[in-house]
N, C-alpha and C. Protein backbone atom coordinates (compact mmCIF):
# COMPACT_ATOMS: atom_id res chain seq x y z
N MET A 1 0.26 -1.41 0.72
CA MET A 1 -0.11 0.18 -0.22
C MET A 1 0.87 0.91 -0.16
N SER A 2 0.50 2.29 -1.05
CA SER A 2 1.41 3.74 -0.96
C SER A 2 0.94 4.05 -0.10
N VAL A 3 1.59 5.26 -0.11
CA VAL A 3 1.05 6.56 1.24
C VAL A 3 0.08 6.89 0.93
N SER A 4 -0.25 7.52 -0.32
CA SER A 4 -1.35 8.27 -0.70
C SER A 4 -2.96 7.13 -0.66
N GLU A 5 -2.41 5.87 -1.08
CA GLU A 5 -3.45 4.65 -0.54
C GLU A 5 -3.74 5.29 0.99
N PHE A 6 -2.93 5.24 1.26
CA PHE A 6 -3.16 4.82 3.09
C PHE A 6 -3.93 6.08 3.01
N HIS A 7 -3.36 7.41 3.29
CA HIS A 7 -3.85 8.35 3.14
C HIS A 7 -5.53 8.46 2.95
N PHE A 8 -5.95 8.12 1.76
CA PHE A 8 -7.25 7.85 0.86
C PHE A 8 -8.12 6.53 1.88
N TYR A 9 -7.69 5.82 2.50
CA TYR A 9 -8.62 5.27 3.37
C TYR A 9 -8.58 5.89 4.70
N PHE A 10 -7.37 6.53 5.20
CA PHE A 10 -7.57 7.27 6.48
C PHE A 10 -8.32 7.78 6.60
N LYS A 11 -8.69 9.04 5.35
CA LYS A 11 -9.79 10.15 5.17
C LYS A 11 -10.94 9.50 5.56
N LYS A 12 -10.98 8.05 4.36
CA LYS A 12 -12.70 7.52 4.56
C LYS A 12 -13.02 6.90 5.84
N MET A 13 -11.97 6.51 6.34
CA MET A 13 -12.20 6.23 7.72
C MET A 13 -13.26 6.87 8.70
N LEU A 14 -11.66 8.11 8.68
CA LEU A 14 -12.09 9.78 9.90
C LEU A 14 -13.69 10.05 9.38
N ARG A 15 -13.82 9.82 7.64
CA ARG A 15 -15.28 10.92 7.30
C ARG A 15 -16.53 9.50 7.87
N GLN A 16 -16.13 7.91 7.83
CA GLN A 16 -17.61 7.54 8.40
C GLN A 16 -17.58 7.40 9.75
N ALA A 17 -16.50 7.57 10.63
CA ALA A 17 -16.88 7.59 11.52
C ALA A 17 -17.36 9.22 11.91
N ARG A 18 -17.10 10.09 11.66
CA ARG A 18 -17.36 11.30 11.49
C ARG A 18 -18.94 11.25 11.23
N ASP A 19 -19.77 10.94 10.52
CA ASP A 19 -20.91 10.89 10.31
C ASP A 19 -21.82 9.78 10.91
N ALA A 20 -20.87 8.35 11.36
CA ALA A 20 -21.81 7.83 12.70
C ALA A 20 -22.43 8.58 13.23
N ARG A 21 -21.12 10.00 14.15
CA ARG A 21 -21.41 10.21 15.20
C ARG A 21 -22.30 11.26 15.35
N GLU A 22 -22.21 11.68 13.99
CA GLU A 22 -23.51 13.02 13.21
C GLU A 22 -25.14 12.25 13.49
N MET A 23 -25.05 11.07 12.88
CA MET A 23 -26.30 10.39 13.14
C MET A 23 -26.67 10.30 14.72
N ALA A 24 -25.73 9.48 15.63
CA ALA A 24 -26.14 9.03 16.73
C ALA A 24 -26.45 10.19 17.26
N THR A 25 -26.19 11.83 17.26
CA THR A 25 -26.74 12.59 18.42
C THR A 25 -28.03 12.90 17.93
N ASP A 26 -28.33 13.13 16.60
CA ASP A 26 -29.69 13.30 15.86
C ASP A 26 -31.10 12.16 16.58
N PHE A 27 -30.76 10.94 17.15
CA PHE A 27 -31.44 10.29 17.51
C PHE A 27 -31.33 10.34 19.42
N PRO A 28 -32.79 11.17 19.33
CA PRO A 28 -32.99 11.51 20.97
C PRO A 28 -33.12 10.21 21.51
N CYS A 29 -32.37 10.49 22.83
CA CYS A 29 -33.14 8.93 23.78
C CYS A 29 -34.02 9.26 24.70
N PHE A 30 -35.65 7.83 24.44
CA PHE A 30 -36.94 8.58 24.54
C PHE A 30 -36.30 6.87 26.01
N ILE A 31 -37.52 7.66 27.12
CA ILE A 31 -37.74 6.83 28.39
C ILE A 31 -39.02 6.15 28.50
N LYS A 32 -38.76 4.84 28.28
CA LYS A 32 -40.37 4.42 27.99
C LYS A 32 -41.08 4.52 29.42
N ARG A 33 -42.10 4.77 29.43
CA ARG A 33 -43.37 4.62 30.66
C ARG A 33 -44.28 4.58 30.32
N LYS A 34 -45.38 4.03 31.41
CA LYS A 34 -46.52 3.64 31.23
C LYS A 34 -48.01 4.64 31.00
N ASN A 35 -47.47 5.90 31.19
CA ASN A 35 -48.02 6.74 30.74
C ASN A 35 -48.01 7.19 29.70
N ILE A 36 -46.76 7.55 29.00
CA ILE A 36 -46.25 7.98 27.75
C ILE A 36 -46.77 6.73 26.31
N LYS A 37 -47.60 7.71 25.52
CA LYS A 37 -47.87 7.04 24.54
C LYS A 37 -46.66 6.95 23.39
N VAL A 38 -46.70 5.65 22.34
CA VAL A 38 -45.81 5.48 21.25
C VAL A 38 -45.54 6.92 20.70
N ILE A 39 -43.57 6.89 20.83
CA ILE A 39 -43.79 8.47 20.54
C ILE A 39 -42.88 7.83 18.89
N GLU A 40 -43.47 9.12 17.94
CA GLU A 40 -42.40 8.54 16.25
C GLU A 40 -42.41 9.52 16.29
N LYS A 41 -40.90 10.10 15.66
CA LYS A 41 -40.24 11.05 14.91
C LYS A 41 -39.67 10.78 13.86
N ILE A 42 -39.49 11.12 12.74
CA ILE A 42 -39.07 11.46 11.36
C ILE A 42 -37.52 11.99 11.53
N PHE A 43 -36.22 11.64 11.10
CA PHE A 43 -35.25 12.79 11.34
C PHE A 43 -35.18 12.81 9.43
N ILE A 44 -34.50 13.67 8.83
CA ILE A 44 -34.07 14.02 7.43
C ILE A 44 -32.40 14.54 7.78
N ASN A 45 -31.67 13.41 7.41
CA ASN A 45 -30.45 12.94 7.63
C ASN A 45 -29.61 13.13 6.80
N ASN A 46 -28.31 13.82 6.16
CA ASN A 46 -27.79 13.17 4.86
C ASN A 46 -28.35 12.28 4.06
N LYS A 47 -29.20 12.86 3.77
CA LYS A 47 -30.48 12.59 2.49
C LYS A 47 -31.01 11.14 2.53
N HIS A 48 -31.44 10.90 4.25
CA HIS A 48 -31.26 9.55 4.65
C HIS A 48 -33.33 9.31 5.75
N PHE A 49 -34.06 8.39 5.53
CA PHE A 49 -34.86 9.06 6.18
C PHE A 49 -34.76 7.43 7.53
N PHE A 50 -34.57 8.59 8.74
CA PHE A 50 -34.53 7.37 10.02
C PHE A 50 -36.20 7.65 10.77
N LYS A 51 -36.89 6.73 10.93
CA LYS A 51 -38.14 6.92 11.59
C LYS A 51 -37.98 5.61 12.72
N ILE A 52 -38.38 6.33 14.19
CA ILE A 52 -38.34 5.45 15.77
C ILE A 52 -39.72 6.41 16.27
């Protein structure tokens, strides 16, 4: 593996880790209790639809 290939894959890995971290912060944590109904929210992030 050449140096330029290493830099390419290293940057790709960092970019994927950053995207995963950004997606994780967009998911709020809901505490399920008996008096709370099912909560549904739709997030639009990076052209993906996440439904929880």
